[in-house]
Amino acid sequence: MDRLILMRHGQAERQAATGGDFERGLTPRGRDDSTLMGRLLAAKGAAPELVLVSSARRTRETFAAVSAAFPKARVAFRRDLYHAEPEDVMTALEDEGEGAGTVMVIGHNPGLHELALGLAIQGGPEPLAFNKIRNRFPTATTVVFAFGAGGPPVLEHLFYVAEHGGNGGE
């Protein structure tokens, strides 16, 4: 894996009709923000070959919104990414990511935020970028890390949808 993209799902409805967290879908704003992030990633040349997606409804819907920007990407929906800890995300990457140059994970907080922080610390980011990522990871936030020949991950991009014309927020 040369590049890792971590994306938190778009804004979700507060409650599903069934009352269960797993079935909460995206709001219209969440769909729009997710579509915007897909376009932004594609414009920056960060198109994944593989997308690992939590099997929760809001993450599946986030993938549906970004997938138009990545028509060649293959997808794997994984139940173990639902509210996954950073270690669980890394295990999923090891299970599925072999041979893929760029892999994207669409998942949930706090696990994705914690993983992004951990990877950023390993790479020794510039203080301003690190403080930004440390302080908040709202819905549709997307980070891109590059991995060089055995070196630490390098934070390439941190995208907050509100900074790119979207609504953002929780």
N, C-alpha and C. Protein backbone atom coordinates (compact mmCIF):
# COMPACT_ATOMS: atom_id res chain seq x y z
N MET A 1 0.85 -1.18 0.00
CA MET A 1 0.00 0.00 0.00
C MET A 1 0.89 1.23 0.00
N ASP A 2 0.68 2.07 -0.99
CA ASP A 2 1.44 3.32 -1.11
C ASP A 2 0.73 4.50 -0.46
N ARG A 3 -0.58 4.42 -0.42
CA ARG A 3 -1.37 5.54 0.08
C ARG A 3 -2.60 4.99 0.80
N LEU A 4 -2.95 5.66 1.91
CA LEU A 4 -4.12 5.30 2.69
C LEU A 4 -5.01 6.53 2.84
N ILE A 5 -6.28 6.36 2.50
CA ILE A 5 -7.27 7.43 2.65
C ILE A 5 -8.25 6.98 3.74
N LEU A 6 -8.41 7.80 4.75
CA LEU A 6 -9.38 7.54 5.81
C LEU A 6 -10.48 8.57 5.70
N MET A 7 -11.73 8.12 5.61
CA MET A 7 -12.86 9.03 5.50
C MET A 7 -13.93 8.65 6.52
N ARG A 8 -14.32 9.63 7.30
CA ARG A 8 -15.46 9.43 8.19
C ARG A 8 -16.73 9.59 7.36
N HIS A 9 -17.72 8.79 7.66
CA HIS A 9 -19.00 8.86 6.93
C HIS A 9 -19.58 10.27 6.95
N GLY A 10 -20.46 10.55 6.01
CA GLY A 10 -21.16 11.83 5.97
C GLY A 10 -22.15 11.95 7.12
N GLN A 11 -22.69 13.15 7.26
CA GLN A 11 -23.64 13.41 8.35
C GLN A 11 -24.81 12.43 8.26
N ALA A 12 -25.14 11.82 9.39
CA ALA A 12 -26.20 10.81 9.45
C ALA A 12 -27.41 11.34 10.21
N GLU A 13 -28.55 10.72 9.92
CA GLU A 13 -29.76 11.06 10.66
C GLU A 13 -29.56 10.71 12.13
N ARG A 14 -30.23 11.42 12.98
CA ARG A 14 -30.08 11.21 14.43
C ARG A 14 -30.57 9.83 14.86
N GLN A 15 -31.64 9.37 14.22
CA GLN A 15 -32.24 8.09 14.58
C GLN A 15 -32.77 7.41 13.33
N ALA A 16 -32.58 6.11 13.27
CA ALA A 16 -33.17 5.33 12.17
C ALA A 16 -34.62 5.01 12.53
N ALA A 17 -35.41 4.72 11.52
CA ALA A 17 -36.81 4.34 11.75
C ALA A 17 -36.89 3.12 12.67
N THR A 18 -35.90 2.25 12.57
CA THR A 18 -35.87 1.05 13.42
C THR A 18 -35.36 1.36 14.82
N GLY A 19 -34.75 2.55 14.97
CA GLY A 19 -34.21 2.91 16.27
C GLY A 19 -32.79 2.45 16.49
N GLY A 20 -32.25 1.61 15.58
CA GLY A 20 -30.90 1.08 15.76
C GLY A 20 -29.84 1.96 15.12
N ASP A 21 -28.70 2.06 15.77
CA ASP A 21 -27.59 2.88 15.28
C ASP A 21 -27.07 2.37 13.94
N PHE A 22 -26.99 1.07 13.77
CA PHE A 22 -26.42 0.46 12.57
C PHE A 22 -27.18 0.87 11.31
N GLU A 23 -28.47 1.14 11.44
CA GLU A 23 -29.32 1.46 10.29
C GLU A 23 -29.54 2.95 10.05
N ARG A 24 -28.81 3.81 10.77
CA ARG A 24 -28.95 5.24 10.51
C ARG A 24 -28.39 5.57 9.14
N GLY A 25 -29.18 6.26 8.32
CA GLY A 25 -28.75 6.64 6.97
C GLY A 25 -28.20 8.06 6.94
N LEU A 26 -27.72 8.46 5.78
CA LEU A 26 -27.22 9.82 5.61
C LEU A 26 -28.36 10.81 5.46
N THR A 27 -28.12 12.02 5.90
CA THR A 27 -29.03 13.13 5.62
C THR A 27 -28.72 13.62 4.20
N PRO A 28 -29.58 14.43 3.60
CA PRO A 28 -29.24 15.00 2.29
C PRO A 28 -27.90 15.75 2.32
N ARG A 29 -27.64 16.48 3.40
CA ARG A 29 -26.37 17.17 3.56
C ARG A 29 -25.21 16.18 3.60
N GLY A 30 -25.40 15.07 4.28
CA GLY A 30 -24.36 14.04 4.35
C GLY A 30 -24.04 13.46 2.98
N ARG A 31 -25.07 13.25 2.16
CA ARG A 31 -24.85 12.75 0.79
C ARG A 31 -24.09 13.78 -0.05
N ASP A 32 -24.53 15.05 0.05
CA ASP A 32 -23.86 16.11 -0.72
C ASP A 32 -22.40 16.27 -0.31
N ASP A 33 -22.15 16.28 1.00
CA ASP A 33 -20.78 16.42 1.49
C ASP A 33 -19.90 15.25 1.05
N SER A 34 -20.46 14.05 1.09
CA SER A 34 -19.69 12.86 0.69
C SER A 34 -19.37 12.90 -0.80
N THR A 35 -20.33 13.30 -1.61
CA THR A 35 -20.09 13.44 -3.04
C THR A 35 -18.99 14.45 -3.31
N LEU A 36 -19.03 15.57 -2.60
CA LEU A 36 -18.02 16.61 -2.74
C LEU A 36 -16.63 16.06 -2.40
N MET A 37 -16.53 15.29 -1.33
CA MET A 37 -15.22 14.75 -0.94
C MET A 37 -14.70 13.77 -1.99
N GLY A 38 -15.58 12.98 -2.57
CA GLY A 38 -15.15 12.08 -3.64
C GLY A 38 -14.57 12.84 -4.81
N ARG A 39 -15.26 13.90 -5.22
CA ARG A 39 -14.76 14.73 -6.33
C ARG A 39 -13.43 15.38 -5.98
N LEU A 40 -13.30 15.86 -4.75
CA LEU A 40 -12.07 16.51 -4.31
C LEU A 40 -10.90 15.52 -4.33
N LEU A 41 -11.12 14.34 -3.81
CA LEU A 41 -10.06 13.33 -3.84
C LEU A 41 -9.64 13.00 -5.27
N ALA A 42 -10.61 12.81 -6.14
CA ALA A 42 -10.30 12.50 -7.54
C ALA A 42 -9.50 13.65 -8.18
N ALA A 43 -9.89 14.88 -7.89
CA ALA A 43 -9.18 16.04 -8.45
C ALA A 43 -7.75 16.13 -7.94
N LYS A 44 -7.51 15.64 -6.74
CA LYS A 44 -6.16 15.66 -6.15
C LYS A 44 -5.35 14.42 -6.55
N GLY A 45 -5.93 13.57 -7.38
CA GLY A 45 -5.21 12.37 -7.81
C GLY A 45 -5.16 11.27 -6.77
N ALA A 46 -6.08 11.29 -5.84
CA ALA A 46 -6.11 10.30 -4.76
C ALA A 46 -7.27 9.33 -4.97
N ALA A 47 -7.26 8.65 -6.09
CA ALA A 47 -8.32 7.68 -6.40
C ALA A 47 -7.92 6.31 -5.87
N PRO A 48 -8.74 5.72 -5.02
CA PRO A 48 -8.40 4.41 -4.47
C PRO A 48 -8.63 3.28 -5.48
N GLU A 49 -7.83 2.25 -5.32
CA GLU A 49 -8.04 1.01 -6.07
C GLU A 49 -8.99 0.10 -5.30
N LEU A 50 -8.95 0.22 -3.98
CA LEU A 50 -9.75 -0.60 -3.08
C LEU A 50 -10.37 0.30 -2.03
N VAL A 51 -11.66 0.08 -1.75
CA VAL A 51 -12.35 0.82 -0.69
C VAL A 51 -12.92 -0.19 0.29
N LEU A 52 -12.50 -0.07 1.54
CA LEU A 52 -13.02 -0.91 2.63
C LEU A 52 -14.06 -0.08 3.36
N VAL A 53 -15.27 -0.62 3.49
CA VAL A 53 -16.39 0.14 4.00
C VAL A 53 -17.06 -0.62 5.15
N SER A 54 -17.27 0.08 6.26
CA SER A 54 -18.08 -0.49 7.33
C SER A 54 -19.44 -0.85 6.73
N SER A 55 -20.02 -1.93 7.19
CA SER A 55 -21.29 -2.36 6.62
C SER A 55 -22.50 -1.63 7.21
N ALA A 56 -22.27 -0.64 8.07
CA ALA A 56 -23.38 0.17 8.57
C ALA A 56 -24.00 0.96 7.42
N ARG A 57 -25.27 1.26 7.53
CA ARG A 57 -25.98 1.94 6.44
C ARG A 57 -25.34 3.28 6.07
N ARG A 58 -24.96 4.11 7.06
CA ARG A 58 -24.42 5.44 6.74
C ARG A 58 -23.08 5.37 6.02
N THR A 59 -22.28 4.35 6.28
CA THR A 59 -21.01 4.23 5.57
C THR A 59 -21.23 3.65 4.17
N ARG A 60 -22.18 2.73 4.03
CA ARG A 60 -22.51 2.23 2.69
C ARG A 60 -23.04 3.37 1.82
N GLU A 61 -23.88 4.23 2.40
CA GLU A 61 -24.41 5.37 1.65
C GLU A 61 -23.32 6.39 1.34
N THR A 62 -22.35 6.54 2.24
CA THR A 62 -21.21 7.42 1.95
C THR A 62 -20.43 6.88 0.76
N PHE A 63 -20.19 5.57 0.75
CA PHE A 63 -19.50 4.97 -0.40
C PHE A 63 -20.29 5.20 -1.69
N ALA A 64 -21.60 5.02 -1.63
CA ALA A 64 -22.42 5.24 -2.82
C ALA A 64 -22.24 6.67 -3.34
N ALA A 65 -22.11 7.63 -2.44
CA ALA A 65 -21.95 9.02 -2.84
C ALA A 65 -20.57 9.30 -3.43
N VAL A 66 -19.52 8.67 -2.90
CA VAL A 66 -18.17 8.94 -3.42
C VAL A 66 -17.82 8.06 -4.61
N SER A 67 -18.52 6.97 -4.79
CA SER A 67 -18.11 5.96 -5.78
C SER A 67 -18.13 6.45 -7.22
N ALA A 68 -18.95 7.44 -7.55
CA ALA A 68 -18.96 7.98 -8.91
C ALA A 68 -17.59 8.56 -9.28
N ALA A 69 -16.86 9.05 -8.28
CA ALA A 69 -15.53 9.62 -8.52
C ALA A 69 -14.47 8.54 -8.69
N PHE A 70 -14.79 7.31 -8.33
CA PHE A 70 -13.82 6.21 -8.38
C PHE A 70 -14.42 4.99 -9.07
N PRO A 71 -14.77 5.08 -10.34
CA PRO A 71 -15.49 3.99 -11.01
C PRO A 71 -14.71 2.68 -11.12
N LYS A 72 -13.39 2.73 -10.99
CA LYS A 72 -12.60 1.51 -11.14
C LYS A 72 -12.27 0.84 -9.80
N ALA A 73 -12.63 1.49 -8.71
CA ALA A 73 -12.31 0.94 -7.39
C ALA A 73 -13.15 -0.29 -7.10
N ARG A 74 -12.51 -1.26 -6.48
CA ARG A 74 -13.29 -2.39 -5.98
C ARG A 74 -13.61 -2.11 -4.52
N VAL A 75 -14.69 -2.71 -4.05
CA VAL A 75 -15.17 -2.41 -2.70
C VAL A 75 -15.34 -3.70 -1.91
N ALA A 76 -15.09 -3.59 -0.61
CA ALA A 76 -15.36 -4.69 0.32
C ALA A 76 -16.09 -4.09 1.52
N PHE A 77 -17.30 -4.59 1.77
CA PHE A 77 -18.08 -4.16 2.93
C PHE A 77 -17.75 -5.10 4.08
N ARG A 78 -17.38 -4.50 5.22
CA ARG A 78 -16.91 -5.31 6.35
C ARG A 78 -17.62 -4.92 7.64
N ARG A 79 -18.25 -5.90 8.23
CA ARG A 79 -18.94 -5.69 9.51
C ARG A 79 -17.95 -5.31 10.61
N ASP A 80 -16.73 -5.82 10.54
CA ASP A 80 -15.75 -5.56 11.59
C ASP A 80 -15.24 -4.11 11.58
N LEU A 81 -15.61 -3.32 10.58
CA LEU A 81 -15.23 -1.91 10.56
C LEU A 81 -16.28 -1.02 11.24
N TYR A 82 -17.40 -1.61 11.64
CA TYR A 82 -18.43 -0.85 12.36
C TYR A 82 -17.91 -0.51 13.74
N HIS A 83 -17.71 0.77 14.00
CA HIS A 83 -17.14 1.27 15.26
C HIS A 83 -15.82 0.58 15.62
N ALA A 84 -15.00 0.35 14.60
CA ALA A 84 -13.72 -0.35 14.78
C ALA A 84 -12.70 0.52 15.51
N GLU A 85 -11.90 -0.15 16.31
CA GLU A 85 -10.74 0.47 16.93
C GLU A 85 -9.64 0.59 15.87
N PRO A 86 -8.65 1.46 16.08
CA PRO A 86 -7.58 1.59 15.09
C PRO A 86 -6.92 0.26 14.72
N GLU A 87 -6.74 -0.61 15.69
CA GLU A 87 -6.11 -1.91 15.43
C GLU A 87 -6.97 -2.77 14.50
N ASP A 88 -8.29 -2.66 14.65
CA ASP A 88 -9.21 -3.41 13.79
C ASP A 88 -9.14 -2.91 12.35
N VAL A 89 -9.00 -1.61 12.19
CA VAL A 89 -8.87 -1.04 10.84
C VAL A 89 -7.57 -1.54 10.21
N MET A 90 -6.49 -1.53 10.97
CA MET A 90 -5.21 -2.01 10.44
C MET A 90 -5.29 -3.49 10.07
N THR A 91 -5.99 -4.29 10.86
CA THR A 91 -6.17 -5.71 10.53
C THR A 91 -6.94 -5.86 9.23
N ALA A 92 -7.99 -5.08 9.04
CA ALA A 92 -8.75 -5.13 7.79
C ALA A 92 -7.87 -4.75 6.61
N LEU A 93 -7.00 -3.76 6.79
CA LEU A 93 -6.08 -3.37 5.73
C LEU A 93 -5.12 -4.50 5.39
N GLU A 94 -4.64 -5.19 6.41
CA GLU A 94 -3.74 -6.33 6.17
C GLU A 94 -4.49 -7.46 5.47
N ASP A 95 -5.74 -7.70 5.86
CA ASP A 95 -6.54 -8.77 5.26
C ASP A 95 -6.84 -8.53 3.79
N GLU A 96 -7.16 -7.29 3.44
CA GLU A 96 -7.70 -6.99 2.11
C GLU A 96 -6.76 -6.20 1.20
N GLY A 97 -5.81 -5.47 1.78
CA GLY A 97 -5.08 -4.46 1.01
C GLY A 97 -3.87 -4.92 0.22
N GLU A 98 -3.52 -6.18 0.30
CA GLU A 98 -2.32 -6.63 -0.39
C GLU A 98 -2.44 -6.39 -1.90
N GLY A 99 -1.42 -5.76 -2.45
CA GLY A 99 -1.37 -5.52 -3.88
C GLY A 99 -2.06 -4.24 -4.32
N ALA A 100 -2.79 -3.58 -3.44
CA ALA A 100 -3.47 -2.33 -3.80
C ALA A 100 -2.53 -1.17 -3.50
N GLY A 101 -2.40 -0.26 -4.45
CA GLY A 101 -1.54 0.91 -4.25
C GLY A 101 -2.18 1.93 -3.32
N THR A 102 -3.44 2.27 -3.58
CA THR A 102 -4.17 3.23 -2.76
C THR A 102 -5.42 2.54 -2.21
N VAL A 103 -5.54 2.59 -0.89
CA VAL A 103 -6.69 1.98 -0.21
C VAL A 103 -7.41 3.06 0.57
N MET A 104 -8.73 3.03 0.51
CA MET A 104 -9.57 3.97 1.25
C MET A 104 -10.39 3.18 2.27
N VAL A 105 -10.54 3.74 3.45
CA VAL A 105 -11.40 3.16 4.48
C VAL A 105 -12.48 4.19 4.79
N ILE A 106 -13.74 3.77 4.72
CA ILE A 106 -14.86 4.62 5.12
C ILE A 106 -15.43 4.02 6.40
N GLY A 107 -15.32 4.78 7.48
CA GLY A 107 -15.71 4.24 8.77
C GLY A 107 -16.23 5.30 9.72
N HIS A 108 -15.96 5.07 11.00
CA HIS A 108 -16.60 5.79 12.10
C HIS A 108 -15.57 6.36 13.07
N ASN A 109 -16.01 7.37 13.80
CA ASN A 109 -15.28 7.84 14.96
C ASN A 109 -15.71 7.02 16.17
N PRO A 110 -14.90 6.88 17.18
CA PRO A 110 -13.61 7.54 17.33
C PRO A 110 -12.44 6.80 16.67
N GLY A 111 -12.67 5.58 16.19
CA GLY A 111 -11.57 4.77 15.67
C GLY A 111 -10.79 5.40 14.53
N LEU A 112 -11.49 5.98 13.55
CA LEU A 112 -10.76 6.60 12.43
C LEU A 112 -9.97 7.81 12.88
N HIS A 113 -10.56 8.61 13.75
CA HIS A 113 -9.84 9.77 14.26
C HIS A 113 -8.58 9.34 15.01
N GLU A 114 -8.72 8.34 15.85
CA GLU A 114 -7.57 7.84 16.62
C GLU A 114 -6.50 7.28 15.69
N LEU A 115 -6.90 6.54 14.66
CA LEU A 115 -5.93 6.01 13.70
C LEU A 115 -5.23 7.14 12.96
N ALA A 116 -5.99 8.14 12.51
CA ALA A 116 -5.39 9.27 11.82
C ALA A 116 -4.37 9.98 12.71
N LEU A 117 -4.71 10.17 13.97
CA LEU A 117 -3.77 10.80 14.91
C LEU A 117 -2.50 9.97 15.07
N GLY A 118 -2.69 8.67 15.24
CA GLY A 118 -1.53 7.79 15.42
C GLY A 118 -0.61 7.80 14.21
N LEU A 119 -1.19 7.75 13.01
CA LEU A 119 -0.37 7.78 11.80
C LEU A 119 0.31 9.13 11.64
N ALA A 120 -0.40 10.21 11.96
CA ALA A 120 0.19 11.54 11.86
C ALA A 120 1.37 11.69 12.81
N ILE A 121 1.24 11.18 14.02
CA ILE A 121 2.33 11.25 14.99
C ILE A 121 3.55 10.50 14.48
N GLN A 122 3.34 9.33 13.90
CA GLN A 122 4.47 8.54 13.37
C GLN A 122 5.24 9.31 12.32
N GLY A 123 4.52 10.08 11.51
CA GLY A 123 5.17 10.81 10.43
C GLY A 123 5.74 12.15 10.81
N GLY A 124 5.52 12.57 12.05
CA GLY A 124 6.05 13.85 12.49
C GLY A 124 5.50 15.02 11.69
N PRO A 125 4.19 15.23 11.76
CA PRO A 125 3.59 16.28 10.93
C PRO A 125 3.97 17.68 11.40
N GLU A 126 3.76 18.62 10.54
CA GLU A 126 3.95 20.02 10.91
C GLU A 126 2.93 20.35 12.00
N PRO A 127 3.29 21.17 12.99
CA PRO A 127 2.41 21.42 14.14
C PRO A 127 1.02 21.93 13.78
N LEU A 128 0.90 22.82 12.81
CA LEU A 128 -0.41 23.36 12.47
C LEU A 128 -1.34 22.26 11.97
N ALA A 129 -0.84 21.40 11.08
CA ALA A 129 -1.66 20.30 10.56
C ALA A 129 -2.02 19.32 11.68
N PHE A 130 -1.06 19.03 12.54
CA PHE A 130 -1.33 18.10 13.63
C PHE A 130 -2.38 18.66 14.58
N ASN A 131 -2.26 19.92 14.93
CA ASN A 131 -3.25 20.53 15.83
C ASN A 131 -4.64 20.51 15.22
N LYS A 132 -4.71 20.73 13.91
CA LYS A 132 -5.99 20.71 13.23
C LYS A 132 -6.63 19.33 13.32
N ILE A 133 -5.85 18.31 13.00
CA ILE A 133 -6.40 16.95 13.02
C ILE A 133 -6.69 16.50 14.45
N ARG A 134 -5.90 16.95 15.39
CA ARG A 134 -6.10 16.56 16.78
C ARG A 134 -7.39 17.12 17.34
N ASN A 135 -7.73 18.35 16.95
CA ASN A 135 -8.86 19.04 17.55
C ASN A 135 -10.22 18.59 17.06
N ARG A 136 -10.30 18.13 15.80
CA ARG A 136 -11.62 17.76 15.31
C ARG A 136 -11.53 16.83 14.11
N PHE A 137 -12.56 16.00 13.99
CA PHE A 137 -12.68 15.04 12.89
C PHE A 137 -14.16 14.87 12.59
N PRO A 138 -14.80 15.97 12.11
CA PRO A 138 -16.25 15.92 11.88
C PRO A 138 -16.62 15.01 10.71
N THR A 139 -17.91 14.84 10.50
CA THR A 139 -18.39 13.98 9.43
C THR A 139 -17.81 14.42 8.09
N ALA A 140 -17.55 13.45 7.23
CA ALA A 140 -16.99 13.60 5.89
C ALA A 140 -15.53 14.05 5.90
N THR A 141 -14.90 14.18 7.06
CA THR A 141 -13.48 14.52 7.09
C THR A 141 -12.70 13.40 6.42
N THR A 142 -11.69 13.79 5.65
CA THR A 142 -10.89 12.82 4.90
C THR A 142 -9.42 13.19 5.04
N VAL A 143 -8.61 12.18 5.36
CA VAL A 143 -7.16 12.37 5.43
C VAL A 143 -6.49 11.39 4.49
N VAL A 144 -5.37 11.82 3.94
CA VAL A 144 -4.61 10.99 3.01
C VAL A 144 -3.18 10.89 3.54
N PHE A 145 -2.71 9.66 3.67
CA PHE A 145 -1.34 9.39 4.10
C PHE A 145 -0.60 8.68 2.99
N ALA A 146 0.65 9.08 2.77
CA ALA A 146 1.53 8.39 1.82
C ALA A 146 2.49 7.53 2.61
N PHE A 147 2.79 6.35 2.06
CA PHE A 147 3.74 5.43 2.68
C PHE A 147 4.89 5.22 1.72
N GLY A 148 6.10 5.58 2.15
CA GLY A 148 7.28 5.39 1.32
C GLY A 148 7.96 4.09 1.68
N ALA A 149 9.04 3.81 1.03
CA ALA A 149 9.79 2.57 1.20
C ALA A 149 10.19 2.33 2.66
N GLY A 150 9.26 1.81 3.43
CA GLY A 150 9.54 1.46 4.82
C GLY A 150 9.59 2.63 5.77
N GLY A 151 9.41 3.84 5.28
CA GLY A 151 9.45 5.01 6.15
C GLY A 151 8.12 5.22 6.84
N PRO A 152 8.07 6.22 7.70
CA PRO A 152 6.81 6.51 8.41
C PRO A 152 5.77 7.09 7.45
N PRO A 153 4.50 7.00 7.81
CA PRO A 153 3.45 7.61 6.98
C PRO A 153 3.60 9.13 6.97
N VAL A 154 3.29 9.71 5.84
CA VAL A 154 3.37 11.16 5.68
C VAL A 154 1.96 11.68 5.41
N LEU A 155 1.53 12.65 6.20
CA LEU A 155 0.23 13.26 6.01
C LEU A 155 0.28 14.13 4.77
N GLU A 156 -0.42 13.69 3.71
CA GLU A 156 -0.45 14.44 2.45
C GLU A 156 -1.56 15.47 2.43
N HIS A 157 -2.74 15.07 2.88
CA HIS A 157 -3.91 15.95 2.82
C HIS A 157 -4.79 15.74 4.04
N LEU A 158 -5.38 16.82 4.49
CA LEU A 158 -6.43 16.80 5.50
C LEU A 158 -7.54 17.66 4.95
N PHE A 159 -8.67 17.06 4.64
CA PHE A 159 -9.79 17.77 4.03
C PHE A 159 -10.98 17.81 4.98
N TYR A 160 -11.37 19.02 5.34
CA TYR A 160 -12.64 19.25 6.02
C TYR A 160 -13.59 19.74 4.95
N VAL A 161 -14.74 19.13 4.83
CA VAL A 161 -15.67 19.46 3.76
C VAL A 161 -16.10 20.93 3.82
N ALA A 162 -16.21 21.50 5.01
CA ALA A 162 -16.61 22.90 5.15
C ALA A 162 -15.59 23.85 4.53
N GLU A 163 -14.34 23.42 4.40
CA GLU A 163 -13.30 24.26 3.79
C GLU A 163 -13.28 24.14 2.27
N HIS A 164 -14.18 23.30 1.73
CA HIS A 164 -14.19 23.08 0.28
C HIS A 164 -15.59 23.25 -0.31
N GLY A 165 -16.40 24.07 0.35
CA GLY A 165 -17.72 24.38 -0.20
C GLY A 165 -18.87 23.54 0.33
N GLY A 166 -18.57 22.59 1.20
CA GLY A 166 -19.63 21.76 1.78
C GLY A 166 -20.10 22.32 3.11
N ASN A 167 -20.99 21.59 3.74
CA ASN A 167 -21.54 22.04 5.01
C ASN A 167 -20.75 21.56 6.20
N GLY A 168 -20.31 20.31 6.15
CA GLY A 168 -19.54 19.75 7.25
C GLY A 168 -20.34 19.66 8.53
N GLY A 169 -19.64 19.33 9.58
CA GLY A 169 -20.26 19.26 10.90
C GLY A 169 -20.53 17.85 11.33
N GLU A 170 -21.15 17.73 12.45
CA GLU A 170 -21.45 16.41 13.00
C GLU A 170 -22.77 15.96 12.44
